[in-house]
Amino acid sequence: MSSKDTIFAVASGGGRAGVTILRISGPQSDAALAAMLTGGLPAPRRTSLRTIVNPQTGGAMDQALILRFKAPASFTGEDMVELHVHGSPAVVEAVSGALFSAGLRQARAGEFTRRAFENARMDLTEAEGLADLIDSETEAQRAQAFRQMSGGLKSVYTEWREAILDALAAVEGEIDFPDEEDVPDKLALRAGSGLDDLARALEKSLAGSRAGERVRHGLDIAVIGPPNAGKSSIINALSKKEAAIVSDEAGTTRDIVEVNLVIGGLPVRLSDTAGLRDTENKIEAEGVRRARVRAQDVDLRIGVLDSGDLSELAAIEAVLRPGDILLLNKSDVCTANVSRETIDVMSLSAHSAEDIEGLRGKLEAIISDRFKVQENAGLTRARHRHCAQACLDAVQRARRNLDAAPELAGEDLRAALHAIKELAGEADIEAVLDRIFSRFCIGK
């Protein structure tokens, strides 16, 4: 398979529909279209209603809206055609058969976007933003993905690149022209303040990167506590469905039960875990072990205790971390007075709709505060974070070497530039490209 091939694929949803879009891209796009039309090609970038025919039999297949795009002014940077045909499987099959007969091949997953990247219509971060936009399920995910697709992260790393180039120019000037009268002494040292500013900018982006990743993937929240404290009842109330089994019998929940919600505009996976207690039952003991492991890995923990029984308070507090929530349940039966500086304590009844809405509001406030979508597009993937960290490490090494070893500082700055190139997709990272574009849908 070659990037010189002309490819096609359905670019809209599958199945029976009012309209289906077939997208064609490559050097033979116009020739394939011309073979299916009578009366010549429509003008580029103008919608035209035409009858498309089978090139072999001359029989009409459908009436379609047709759009032509000439390279490089197209999504892929190649000649492109879009056929908006009626969406029956029979029509799509007939048109696809005609395109196969014309020598076109089926596009691989993400191949249109990869061609756009390879033809410099977008950089890799913009392509990733497009993938995230297609996959977005919540408003926060849409907003973050759209910002990145629109070049938000590109504008950020372009500033980083310019700062590195300015510093490198000063370092190379001192190295290459040490005896020139018009070159100031200790020119490399003048790059110090710029590198300090750059390091601070990189550190700030890295500090906020976890929030960006959480917006993409969603948050994990674990509900923990002793048996019969009301964990399952609270989860059912939050999800407004019978997601977890509720029983008076201790140890009912033995495995982790996950419920998917949207809270604060972000997808949330809420985990109901086994009641934390010592038990001789091997199955329940495994559930308790899994509950403790899950509590270590999540973004937020919600501890639940029965207001009338605080005997496990110390044990639950040992699992909670600063910023987590402790719920004192069954406040309609008994009240308890617990106050902590680092943990948000809330009394409620799982059977009170008002109390559950209060808990939902608290969760929304925490999520909005800790994981809010940044105004400027930030680092949203582990790949972004790795490149930015490599850049920061190189910049910090360069700063240390400026005075004693400008030659080493120059090498460090070139390493920082390479990290930026990896972020943009300009470096040789074929395996990374294959992995990224294979996750697109067919037709994109």
Protein backbone atom coordinates (compact mmCIF):
# COMPACT_ATOMS: atom_id res chain seq x y z
CA MET A 1 0.00 0.00 0.00
CA SER A 2 1.29 3.44 -0.91
CA SER A 3 0.44 7.02 -0.06
CA LYS A 4 0.23 7.49 -3.87
CA ASP A 5 -2.77 5.17 -3.97
CA THR A 6 -6.18 6.73 -4.40
CA ILE A 7 -8.34 5.67 -1.47
CA PHE A 8 -12.00 5.81 -0.56
CA ALA A 9 -14.22 5.03 2.43
CA VAL A 10 -17.58 5.80 3.95
CA ALA A 11 -16.99 8.89 6.10
CA SER A 12 -20.42 8.96 7.79
CA GLY A 13 -22.21 6.52 10.07
CA GLY A 14 -22.87 3.02 8.86
CA GLY A 15 -26.20 1.29 8.26
CA ARG A 16 -29.40 2.58 6.72
CA ALA A 17 -29.51 6.38 6.62
CA GLY A 18 -30.91 9.30 4.69
CA VAL A 19 -27.48 10.31 3.39
CA THR A 20 -24.12 8.53 3.35
CA ILE A 21 -20.87 10.33 2.52
CA LEU A 22 -18.17 8.54 0.56
CA ARG A 23 -14.82 10.27 0.66
CA ILE A 24 -12.15 9.81 -2.06
CA SER A 25 -8.58 11.11 -1.88
CA GLY A 26 -5.55 10.73 -4.11
CA PRO A 27 -4.24 11.46 -7.61
CA GLN A 28 -6.95 9.45 -9.38
CA SER A 29 -9.88 11.11 -7.57
CA ASP A 30 -10.98 13.21 -10.56
CA ALA A 31 -10.52 10.36 -13.02
CA ALA A 32 -12.63 8.01 -10.91
CA LEU A 33 -15.34 10.65 -10.58
CA ALA A 34 -15.29 11.48 -14.29
CA ALA A 35 -15.88 7.82 -15.12
CA MET A 36 -19.11 7.91 -13.10
CA LEU A 37 -20.48 11.13 -14.59
CA THR A 38 -21.79 12.35 -17.91
CA GLY A 39 -21.23 15.95 -18.91
CA GLY A 40 -17.84 16.59 -17.33
CA LEU A 41 -16.59 17.34 -13.83
CA PRO A 42 -18.27 19.94 -11.63
CA ALA A 43 -16.28 23.02 -10.61
CA PRO A 44 -14.11 22.63 -7.50
CA ARG A 45 -15.52 23.71 -4.14
CA ARG A 46 -19.07 24.00 -5.48
CA THR A 47 -21.86 21.57 -4.60
CA SER A 48 -23.37 19.90 -7.66
CA LEU A 49 -26.37 17.54 -7.90
CA ARG A 50 -25.51 14.89 -10.47
CA THR A 51 -26.54 11.40 -11.55
CA ILE A 52 -23.77 8.88 -11.01
CA VAL A 53 -23.59 5.89 -13.32
CA ASN A 54 -21.86 2.52 -13.34
CA PRO A 55 -18.79 3.01 -15.58
CA GLN A 56 -19.05 -0.55 -16.95
CA THR A 57 -22.79 -0.71 -17.75
CA GLY A 58 -23.72 2.96 -18.00
CA GLY A 59 -26.70 2.36 -15.75
CA ALA A 60 -27.67 5.02 -13.21
CA MET A 61 -26.77 4.14 -9.61
CA ASP A 62 -28.04 7.20 -7.72
CA GLN A 63 -28.40 10.96 -7.64
CA ALA A 64 -25.74 12.51 -5.42
CA LEU A 65 -24.43 15.82 -4.21
CA ILE A 66 -20.81 16.07 -5.33
CA LEU A 67 -17.97 18.17 -3.92
CA ARG A 68 -14.51 18.38 -5.50
CA PHE A 69 -11.38 19.76 -3.83
CA LYS A 70 -8.12 20.36 -5.69
CA ALA A 71 -4.76 19.87 -4.01
CA PRO A 72 -3.44 21.35 -1.85
CA ALA A 73 -6.64 23.09 -0.72
CA SER A 74 -8.31 20.03 0.79
CA PHE A 75 -8.43 18.20 4.09
CA THR A 76 -5.73 15.71 3.03
CA GLY A 77 -3.76 18.12 0.85
CA GLU A 78 -4.53 15.89 -2.15
CA ASP A 79 -7.24 15.94 -4.80
CA MET A 80 -10.41 14.93 -2.99
CA VAL A 81 -14.03 14.11 -3.82
CA GLU A 82 -17.03 13.67 -1.58
CA LEU A 83 -20.13 11.82 -2.81
CA HIS A 84 -23.27 12.47 -0.73
CA VAL A 85 -25.41 9.53 -1.83
CA HIS A 86 -28.68 8.13 -0.48
CA GLY A 87 -27.83 6.03 2.52
CA SER A 88 -29.19 2.61 1.67
CA PRO A 89 -26.68 -0.27 1.90
CA ALA A 90 -27.50 -1.17 -1.74
CA VAL A 91 -26.51 2.28 -3.03
CA VAL A 92 -23.32 2.35 -0.97
CA GLU A 93 -22.43 -1.14 -2.17
CA ALA A 94 -23.01 -0.23 -5.82
CA VAL A 95 -20.93 2.96 -5.66
CA SER A 96 -18.17 1.21 -3.71
CA GLY A 97 -18.06 -1.54 -6.33
CA ALA A 98 -17.62 1.06 -9.07
CA LEU A 99 -14.74 2.67 -7.17
CA PHE A 100 -13.05 -0.68 -6.64
CA SER A 101 -13.39 -1.36 -10.37
CA ALA A 102 -11.68 1.98 -11.09
CA GLY A 103 -8.60 0.79 -9.18
CA LEU A 104 -9.22 2.60 -5.90
CA ARG A 105 -8.70 0.82 -2.60
CA GLN A 106 -10.43 0.91 0.76
CA ALA A 107 -8.84 3.40 3.15
CA ARG A 108 -7.25 2.12 6.33
CA ALA A 109 -8.36 3.48 9.71
CA GLY A 110 -7.20 7.07 10.07
CA GLU A 111 -5.58 7.15 6.62
CA PHE A 112 -7.26 10.39 5.50
CA THR A 113 -6.03 12.19 8.62
CA ARG A 114 -2.58 10.65 8.32
CA ARG A 115 -2.31 11.98 4.78
CA ALA A 116 -3.34 15.41 6.05
CA PHE A 117 -0.53 15.17 8.62
CA GLU A 118 2.02 13.93 6.08
CA ASN A 119 1.05 16.74 3.68
CA ALA A 120 1.50 19.35 6.43
CA ARG A 121 -2.19 20.20 6.63
CA MET A 122 -1.98 19.66 10.40
CA ASP A 123 0.64 18.70 12.95
CA LEU A 124 0.43 15.63 15.15
CA THR A 125 -1.11 17.42 18.14
CA GLU A 126 -3.89 18.80 15.91
CA ALA A 127 -4.51 15.30 14.51
CA GLU A 128 -4.74 13.95 18.06
CA GLY A 129 -7.19 16.73 18.90
CA LEU A 130 -9.32 15.70 15.94
CA ALA A 131 -9.34 12.09 17.16
CA ASP A 132 -10.36 13.26 20.63
CA LEU A 133 -13.11 15.47 19.16
CA ILE A 134 -14.58 12.49 17.29
CA ASP A 135 -14.47 10.42 20.50
CA SER A 136 -15.73 13.17 22.83
CA GLU A 137 -18.78 12.32 24.92
CA THR A 138 -19.08 15.34 27.21
CA GLU A 139 -18.95 19.10 26.79
CA ALA A 140 -15.61 19.37 28.60
CA GLN A 141 -14.05 16.75 26.33
CA ARG A 142 -15.43 18.51 23.25
CA ALA A 143 -14.09 21.89 24.34
CA GLN A 144 -10.62 20.57 25.14
CA ALA A 145 -10.38 18.53 21.94
CA PHE A 146 -11.58 21.41 19.75
CA ARG A 147 -8.97 23.73 21.25
CA GLN A 148 -6.22 21.24 20.52
CA MET A 149 -7.52 20.47 17.02
CA SER A 150 -7.54 24.21 16.32
CA GLY A 151 -3.82 24.49 17.06
CA GLY A 152 -3.93 25.48 20.73
CA LEU A 153 -1.08 23.19 21.78
CA LYS A 154 0.82 23.99 18.59
CA SER A 155 0.89 27.68 19.52
CA VAL A 156 2.22 26.76 22.97
CA TYR A 157 5.09 24.58 21.79
CA THR A 158 5.91 27.07 19.01
CA GLU A 159 6.69 29.62 21.75
CA TRP A 160 8.87 27.02 23.48
CA ARG A 161 10.72 26.34 20.23
CA GLU A 162 11.37 30.06 19.65
CA ALA A 163 12.79 30.44 23.16
CA ILE A 164 15.11 27.47 22.62
CA LEU A 165 16.28 28.84 19.26
CA ASP A 166 17.01 32.26 20.81
CA ALA A 167 19.11 30.63 23.52
CA LEU A 168 20.87 28.38 21.02
CA ALA A 169 21.74 31.37 18.83
CA ALA A 170 23.45 33.05 21.77
CA VAL A 171 25.36 29.91 22.72
CA GLU A 172 26.45 29.17 19.14
CA GLY A 173 27.49 32.80 18.67
CA GLU A 174 29.93 32.58 21.54
CA ILE A 175 31.27 29.21 20.39
CA ASP A 176 31.68 30.04 16.70
CA PHE A 177 32.87 33.64 16.94
CA PRO A 178 34.81 33.95 20.20
CA ASP A 179 37.29 36.53 18.89
CA GLU A 180 34.95 38.76 16.89
CA GLU A 181 34.90 42.31 18.20
CA ASP A 182 31.17 42.78 17.63
CA VAL A 183 30.27 39.64 19.61
CA PRO A 184 29.75 40.53 23.30
CA ASP A 185 31.76 38.69 25.95
CA LYS A 186 29.96 35.84 27.72
CA LEU A 187 27.20 35.96 25.12
CA ALA A 188 25.93 32.52 26.17
CA LEU A 189 25.15 33.77 29.67
CA ARG A 190 22.63 36.20 28.21
CA ALA A 191 20.45 33.19 27.41
CA GLY A 192 20.06 32.39 31.11
CA SER A 193 16.97 34.48 31.88
CA GLY A 194 15.18 33.20 28.79
CA LEU A 195 15.89 29.60 29.77
CA ASP A 196 14.65 30.29 33.29
CA ASP A 197 11.37 31.63 31.87
CA LEU A 198 11.10 28.64 29.55
CA ALA A 199 11.69 26.17 32.36
CA ARG A 200 8.93 27.80 34.40
CA ALA A 201 6.53 27.60 31.44
CA LEU A 202 7.32 23.91 30.91
CA GLU A 203 6.89 23.17 34.61
CA LYS A 204 3.52 24.92 34.62
CA SER A 205 2.31 22.90 31.62
CA LEU A 206 3.52 19.65 33.17
CA ALA A 207 1.80 20.49 36.45
CA GLY A 208 -1.53 20.84 34.63
CA SER A 209 -1.07 17.86 32.33
CA ARG A 210 -2.80 15.37 34.61
CA ALA A 211 -5.97 17.44 34.46
CA GLY A 212 -5.89 17.38 30.66
CA GLU A 213 -5.46 13.61 30.64
CA ARG A 214 -8.35 13.19 33.07
CA VAL A 215 -10.61 15.24 30.81
CA ARG A 216 -9.75 12.87 27.93
CA HIS A 217 -10.12 9.60 29.82
CA GLY A 218 -12.53 10.51 32.61
CA LEU A 219 -12.14 10.35 36.37
CA ASP A 220 -12.09 7.34 38.68
CA ILE A 221 -13.80 7.69 42.05
CA ALA A 222 -13.86 4.85 44.59
CA VAL A 223 -16.47 4.57 47.33
CA ILE A 224 -14.96 2.79 50.33
CA GLY A 225 -16.05 1.96 53.84
CA PRO A 226 -17.03 -0.88 56.18
CA PRO A 227 -19.91 -3.26 55.36
CA ASN A 228 -23.46 -1.93 55.70
CA ALA A 229 -22.38 1.72 55.81
CA GLY A 230 -24.56 2.50 52.77
CA LYS A 231 -21.99 2.64 49.96
CA SER A 232 -24.19 0.83 47.44
CA SER A 233 -27.23 2.90 48.35
CA ILE A 234 -25.32 6.13 47.76
CA ILE A 235 -24.03 4.93 44.38
CA ASN A 236 -27.53 3.87 43.32
CA ALA A 237 -28.88 7.25 44.37
CA LEU A 238 -26.19 9.14 42.45
CA SER A 239 -26.66 7.04 39.32
CA LYS A 240 -30.47 6.99 39.68
CA LYS A 241 -30.58 3.26 38.98
CA GLU A 242 -30.14 -0.03 40.81
CA ALA A 243 -26.52 -0.44 39.81
CA ALA A 244 -25.32 -2.14 43.00
CA ILE A 245 -26.98 -4.77 45.18
CA VAL A 246 -28.25 -3.40 48.48
CA SER A 247 -28.69 -5.85 51.37
CA ASP A 248 -28.60 -5.90 55.16
CA GLU A 249 -26.26 -8.87 54.96
CA ALA A 250 -22.64 -7.81 55.47
CA GLY A 251 -20.23 -8.59 52.64
CA THR A 252 -22.80 -8.45 49.82
CA THR A 253 -20.41 -6.52 47.55
CA ARG A 254 -17.38 -8.71 46.93
CA ASP A 255 -16.11 -7.49 43.60
CA ILE A 256 -15.78 -3.96 42.23
CA VAL A 257 -18.96 -2.65 40.58
CA GLU A 258 -18.44 0.30 38.23
CA VAL A 259 -21.07 2.88 37.30
CA ASN A 260 -20.50 5.46 34.55
CA LEU A 261 -21.81 8.98 35.16
CA VAL A 262 -21.25 12.50 33.90
CA ILE A 263 -20.48 14.92 36.73
CA GLY A 264 -19.22 18.45 36.22
CA GLY A 265 -19.10 17.90 32.47
CA LEU A 266 -16.64 15.02 32.75
CA PRO A 267 -17.14 11.25 32.47
CA VAL A 268 -16.80 9.60 35.87
CA ARG A 269 -16.35 5.93 36.74
CA LEU A 270 -17.79 5.43 40.20
CA SER A 271 -16.62 2.20 41.85
CA ASP A 272 -18.57 0.38 44.55
CA THR A 273 -16.05 -1.68 46.52
CA ALA A 274 -16.19 -4.49 49.06
CA GLY A 275 -16.71 -3.46 52.67
CA LEU A 276 -13.36 -3.03 54.41
CA ARG A 277 -13.11 -5.52 57.26
CA ASP A 278 -11.15 -8.58 58.39
CA THR A 279 -12.81 -11.77 57.18
CA GLU A 280 -12.07 -15.50 56.98
CA ASN A 281 -14.07 -15.84 53.76
CA LYS A 282 -11.50 -16.14 50.97
CA ILE A 283 -13.73 -14.60 48.29
CA GLU A 284 -14.69 -11.64 50.43
CA ALA A 285 -11.06 -11.21 51.52
CA GLU A 286 -10.04 -10.96 47.87
CA GLY A 287 -12.74 -8.34 47.37
CA VAL A 288 -11.36 -6.33 50.30
CA ARG A 289 -7.85 -6.57 48.84
CA ARG A 290 -9.11 -5.31 45.48
CA ALA A 291 -10.94 -2.48 47.20
CA ARG A 292 -7.74 -1.29 48.87
CA VAL A 293 -5.80 -1.50 45.60
CA ARG A 294 -8.49 0.45 43.74
CA ALA A 295 -8.49 3.12 46.43
CA GLN A 296 -4.79 3.73 45.81
CA ASP A 297 -5.17 4.22 42.06
CA VAL A 298 -8.22 6.49 41.73
CA ASP A 299 -8.45 10.27 41.42
CA LEU A 300 -10.80 10.72 44.38
CA ARG A 301 -11.93 8.56 47.30
CA ILE A 302 -15.28 8.80 49.06
CA GLY A 303 -15.29 7.19 52.49
CA VAL A 304 -18.68 6.15 53.89
CA LEU A 305 -19.47 5.47 57.54
CA ASP A 306 -22.67 4.81 59.45
CA SER A 307 -23.29 7.89 61.62
CA GLY A 308 -24.25 5.59 64.46
CA ASP A 309 -21.05 3.53 64.27
CA LEU A 310 -17.76 5.37 63.97
CA SER A 311 -15.61 2.47 65.19
CA GLU A 312 -13.94 2.21 61.75
CA LEU A 313 -13.26 5.95 61.46
CA ALA A 314 -9.50 5.63 61.98
CA ALA A 315 -9.25 2.73 59.51
CA ILE A 316 -11.12 4.64 56.80
CA GLU A 317 -9.13 7.84 57.41
CA ALA A 318 -5.95 5.82 56.88
CA VAL A 319 -7.10 5.08 53.33
CA LEU A 320 -8.35 8.59 52.52
CA ARG A 321 -6.02 11.34 51.30
CA PRO A 322 -6.15 15.13 51.63
CA GLY A 323 -8.97 16.50 49.51
CA ASP A 324 -11.05 13.31 49.70
CA ILE A 325 -14.61 13.14 51.05
CA LEU A 326 -15.91 11.42 54.18
CA LEU A 327 -19.68 10.80 54.23
CA LEU A 328 -21.48 10.18 57.51
CA ASN A 329 -24.50 8.27 56.25
CA LYS A 330 -27.89 7.59 57.86
CA SER A 331 -28.13 11.09 59.31
CA ASP A 332 -31.92 10.62 59.32
CA VAL A 333 -31.45 8.03 62.08
CA CYS A 334 -28.44 9.30 63.98
CA THR A 335 -26.15 12.31 63.81
CA ALA A 336 -22.41 12.44 64.40
CA ASN A 337 -19.99 15.32 64.80
CA VAL A 338 -16.73 14.80 62.94
CA SER A 339 -14.48 17.59 61.69
CA ARG A 340 -11.22 17.29 59.75
CA GLU A 341 -8.99 19.95 58.19
CA THR A 342 -7.77 17.97 55.18
CA ILE A 343 -10.88 15.86 54.45
CA ASP A 344 -14.27 17.22 53.41
CA VAL A 345 -16.80 15.76 55.89
CA MET A 346 -20.50 15.67 55.01
CA SER A 347 -23.50 14.22 56.84
CA LEU A 348 -26.31 12.85 54.69
CA SER A 349 -28.98 10.23 54.23
CA ALA A 350 -28.76 8.04 51.13
CA HIS A 351 -32.59 8.10 51.06
CA SER A 352 -32.79 11.91 50.89
CA ALA A 353 -32.94 13.30 47.36
CA GLU A 354 -31.89 16.69 48.70
CA ASP A 355 -28.82 15.23 50.41
CA ILE A 356 -27.82 13.29 47.29
CA GLU A 357 -28.09 16.44 45.18
CA GLY A 358 -25.92 18.18 47.76
CA LEU A 359 -23.32 15.44 47.35
CA ARG A 360 -23.54 15.74 43.58
CA GLY A 361 -22.97 19.49 43.87
CA LYS A 362 -19.93 18.92 46.09
CA LEU A 363 -18.48 16.48 43.55
CA GLU A 364 -19.11 18.93 40.72
CA ALA A 365 -17.29 21.66 42.65
CA ILE A 366 -14.29 19.41 43.34
CA ILE A 367 -14.11 18.21 39.73
CA SER A 368 -14.46 21.72 38.32
CA ASP A 369 -11.72 22.98 40.63
CA ARG A 370 -9.18 20.19 40.13
CA PHE A 371 -9.85 19.01 36.60
CA LYS A 372 -11.31 22.00 34.80
CA VAL A 373 -10.60 22.44 31.10
CA GLN A 374 -7.73 24.88 30.67
CA GLU A 375 -8.33 28.10 28.77
CA ASN A 376 -5.19 27.44 26.76
CA ALA A 377 -4.75 24.02 25.20
CA GLY A 378 -2.41 22.01 27.38
CA LEU A 379 -0.77 18.61 27.48
CA THR A 380 -3.53 16.01 27.24
CA ARG A 381 -1.68 12.75 26.61
CA ALA A 382 1.13 10.76 28.20
CA ARG A 383 3.06 11.28 24.94
CA HIS A 384 2.80 15.06 25.32
CA ARG A 385 3.95 14.86 28.93
CA HIS A 386 6.93 12.67 28.01
CA CYS A 387 8.09 15.12 25.32
CA ALA A 388 7.63 18.17 27.54
CA GLN A 389 9.50 16.50 30.40
CA ALA A 390 12.37 15.58 28.08
CA CYS A 391 12.45 19.20 26.89
CA LEU A 392 12.45 20.52 30.46
CA ASP A 393 15.27 18.19 31.52
CA ALA A 394 17.38 19.31 28.56
CA VAL A 395 16.67 23.01 29.22
CA GLN A 396 17.66 22.64 32.88
CA ARG A 397 20.90 20.90 31.89
CA ALA A 398 21.63 23.67 29.41
CA ARG A 399 21.07 26.30 32.09
CA ARG A 400 23.59 24.62 34.37
CA ASN A 401 26.18 24.33 31.58
CA LEU A 402 25.89 27.88 30.21
CA ASP A 403 28.88 29.34 32.06
CA ALA A 404 31.30 26.44 32.40
CA ALA A 405 30.61 24.51 29.19
CA PRO A 406 28.74 26.39 26.44
CA GLU A 407 29.42 23.51 24.04
CA LEU A 408 27.51 21.13 26.30
CA ALA A 409 24.73 23.70 26.70
CA GLY A 410 24.42 23.79 22.92
CA GLU A 411 24.00 20.01 22.78
CA ASP A 412 21.41 20.19 25.54
CA LEU A 413 19.44 22.82 23.64
CA ARG A 414 19.50 20.68 20.50
CA ALA A 415 18.11 17.82 22.60
CA ALA A 416 15.35 20.16 23.79
CA LEU A 417 14.55 21.02 20.16
CA HIS A 418 14.36 17.33 19.31
CA ALA A 419 11.82 16.83 22.10
CA ILE A 420 9.69 19.61 20.58
CA LYS A 421 9.98 17.93 17.18
CA GLU A 422 8.71 14.69 18.70
CA LEU A 423 5.78 16.55 20.21
CA ALA A 424 4.89 18.03 16.82
CA GLY A 425 5.41 14.71 15.03
CA GLU A 426 8.37 16.05 13.04
CA ALA A 427 10.84 13.47 14.34
CA ASP A 428 11.10 9.88 13.11
CA ILE A 429 8.47 8.21 15.30
CA GLU A 430 6.84 5.84 12.84
CA ALA A 431 5.66 3.39 15.50
CA VAL A 432 3.94 6.21 17.39
CA LEU A 433 2.24 7.42 14.20
CA ASP A 434 0.98 3.92 13.40
CA ARG A 435 -0.50 3.60 16.88
CA ILE A 436 -2.17 7.02 16.84
CA PHE A 437 -3.78 6.86 13.40
CA SER A 438 -4.89 3.23 13.72
CA ARG A 439 -7.29 4.35 16.45
CA PHE A 440 -9.23 6.63 14.09
CA CYS A 441 -12.41 5.32 12.51
CA ILE A 442 -12.49 4.25 8.88
CA GLY A 443 -13.24 7.25 6.66
CA LYS A 444 -11.31 9.67 8.85
